[in-house]
Amino acid sequence: MFFDYDSYSYYVRPGFTDARKSFRTLSCIVDEEMNLDSRAKAMFIFC
């Protein structure tokens, strides 16, 4: 199985993100603070 990187959108959240957060908390950040759909075909990068 091959991963098609071109079919995804990429988003970077600037600022500090606590690395101890779970995927549920990170998806809430995407949904509420970034106003994006965390279930979309996208990659989210946290600093």
N, C-alpha and C. Protein backbone atom coordinates (compact mmCIF):
# COMPACT_ATOMS: atom_id res chain seq x y z
N MET A 1 0.84 -1.17 0.00
CA MET A 1 0.00 0.00 0.00
C MET A 1 0.90 1.24 0.00
N PHE A 2 0.57 2.17 -0.86
CA PHE A 2 1.35 3.39 -0.99
C PHE A 2 0.57 4.56 -0.39
N PHE A 3 1.31 5.49 0.15
CA PHE A 3 0.71 6.67 0.75
C PHE A 3 0.86 7.83 -0.21
N ASP A 4 -0.26 8.42 -0.63
CA ASP A 4 -0.25 9.52 -1.59
C ASP A 4 -0.23 10.85 -0.83
N TYR A 5 0.97 11.39 -0.64
CA TYR A 5 1.13 12.64 0.12
C TYR A 5 0.51 13.85 -0.59
N ASP A 6 0.39 13.80 -1.88
CA ASP A 6 -0.14 14.94 -2.63
C ASP A 6 -1.65 15.12 -2.44
N SER A 7 -2.33 14.10 -2.02
CA SER A 7 -3.78 14.20 -1.87
C SER A 7 -4.20 14.78 -0.52
N TYR A 8 -3.24 15.05 0.36
CA TYR A 8 -3.52 15.60 1.68
C TYR A 8 -3.23 17.09 1.73
N SER A 9 -3.94 17.78 2.62
CA SER A 9 -3.63 19.17 2.93
C SER A 9 -2.80 19.17 4.20
N TYR A 10 -1.90 20.14 4.32
CA TYR A 10 -1.02 20.22 5.48
C TYR A 10 -1.23 21.54 6.20
N TYR A 11 -1.32 21.46 7.53
CA TYR A 11 -1.53 22.64 8.35
C TYR A 11 -0.55 22.61 9.52
N VAL A 12 0.01 23.77 9.84
CA VAL A 12 0.92 23.90 10.97
C VAL A 12 0.28 24.82 11.99
N ARG A 13 0.24 24.37 13.23
CA ARG A 13 -0.27 25.23 14.30
C ARG A 13 0.93 25.88 14.97
N PRO A 14 1.08 27.18 14.80
CA PRO A 14 2.22 27.87 15.42
C PRO A 14 2.02 27.98 16.93
N GLY A 15 3.10 28.22 17.61
CA GLY A 15 3.03 28.37 19.05
C GLY A 15 3.34 27.06 19.75
N PHE A 16 3.37 27.12 21.06
CA PHE A 16 3.72 25.97 21.88
C PHE A 16 2.52 25.05 22.07
N THR A 17 2.74 23.74 21.91
CA THR A 17 1.72 22.73 22.19
C THR A 17 2.33 21.71 23.14
N ASP A 18 1.66 21.46 24.23
CA ASP A 18 2.14 20.49 25.22
C ASP A 18 2.16 19.10 24.59
N ALA A 19 3.32 18.46 24.58
CA ALA A 19 3.49 17.16 23.94
C ALA A 19 2.80 16.04 24.70
N ARG A 20 2.31 16.30 25.89
CA ARG A 20 1.64 15.27 26.68
C ARG A 20 0.15 15.16 26.36
N LYS A 21 -0.34 15.98 25.46
CA LYS A 21 -1.76 15.95 25.12
C LYS A 21 -2.11 14.69 24.33
N SER A 22 -3.33 14.21 24.51
CA SER A 22 -3.78 13.04 23.78
C SER A 22 -4.32 13.45 22.41
N PHE A 23 -4.59 12.47 21.57
CA PHE A 23 -5.12 12.77 20.24
C PHE A 23 -6.48 13.43 20.32
N ARG A 24 -7.24 13.15 21.35
CA ARG A 24 -8.55 13.78 21.50
C ARG A 24 -8.42 15.28 21.76
N THR A 25 -7.46 15.64 22.60
CA THR A 25 -7.23 17.06 22.89
C THR A 25 -6.69 17.78 21.67
N LEU A 26 -5.80 17.13 20.94
CA LEU A 26 -5.26 17.74 19.72
C LEU A 26 -6.34 17.92 18.67
N SER A 27 -7.26 16.97 18.56
CA SER A 27 -8.35 17.13 17.60
C SER A 27 -9.28 18.26 18.01
N CYS A 28 -9.46 18.49 19.31
CA CYS A 28 -10.26 19.63 19.79
C CYS A 28 -9.58 20.95 19.43
N ILE A 29 -8.26 20.99 19.52
CA ILE A 29 -7.52 22.19 19.14
C ILE A 29 -7.74 22.49 17.65
N VAL A 30 -7.68 21.45 16.84
CA VAL A 30 -7.90 21.63 15.40
C VAL A 30 -9.31 22.12 15.13
N ASP A 31 -10.29 21.50 15.76
CA ASP A 31 -11.69 21.86 15.53
C ASP A 31 -12.03 23.26 16.04
N GLU A 32 -11.62 23.57 17.26
CA GLU A 32 -12.07 24.80 17.91
C GLU A 32 -11.15 26.00 17.68
N GLU A 33 -9.85 25.81 17.78
CA GLU A 33 -8.93 26.94 17.66
C GLU A 33 -8.53 27.22 16.22
N MET A 34 -8.37 26.17 15.43
CA MET A 34 -7.95 26.36 14.05
C MET A 34 -9.14 26.44 13.09
N ASN A 35 -10.34 26.14 13.59
CA ASN A 35 -11.57 26.15 12.79
C ASN A 35 -11.46 25.27 11.55
N LEU A 36 -10.90 24.07 11.73
CA LEU A 36 -10.77 23.10 10.65
C LEU A 36 -11.41 21.79 11.10
N ASP A 37 -11.66 20.91 10.15
CA ASP A 37 -12.24 19.61 10.45
C ASP A 37 -11.12 18.62 10.72
N SER A 38 -11.04 18.10 11.94
CA SER A 38 -9.97 17.17 12.29
C SER A 38 -10.12 15.82 11.60
N ARG A 39 -11.31 15.55 11.04
CA ARG A 39 -11.54 14.29 10.34
C ARG A 39 -11.32 14.39 8.84
N ALA A 40 -10.93 15.57 8.37
CA ALA A 40 -10.71 15.77 6.94
C ALA A 40 -9.43 15.07 6.51
N LYS A 41 -9.25 14.96 5.24
CA LYS A 41 -8.04 14.33 4.69
C LYS A 41 -6.91 15.37 4.75
N ALA A 42 -6.32 15.48 5.94
CA ALA A 42 -5.32 16.51 6.18
C ALA A 42 -4.33 16.03 7.24
N MET A 43 -3.17 16.65 7.24
CA MET A 43 -2.13 16.40 8.25
C MET A 43 -1.97 17.67 9.07
N PHE A 44 -1.93 17.52 10.39
CA PHE A 44 -1.78 18.66 11.28
C PHE A 44 -0.47 18.53 12.03
N ILE A 45 0.33 19.57 11.99
CA ILE A 45 1.65 19.57 12.60
C ILE A 45 1.63 20.55 13.77
N PHE A 46 2.00 20.05 14.94
CA PHE A 46 2.02 20.86 16.15
C PHE A 46 3.47 21.11 16.56
N CYS A 47 3.74 22.33 16.98
CA CYS A 47 5.10 22.69 17.42
C CYS A 47 5.25 22.50 18.91
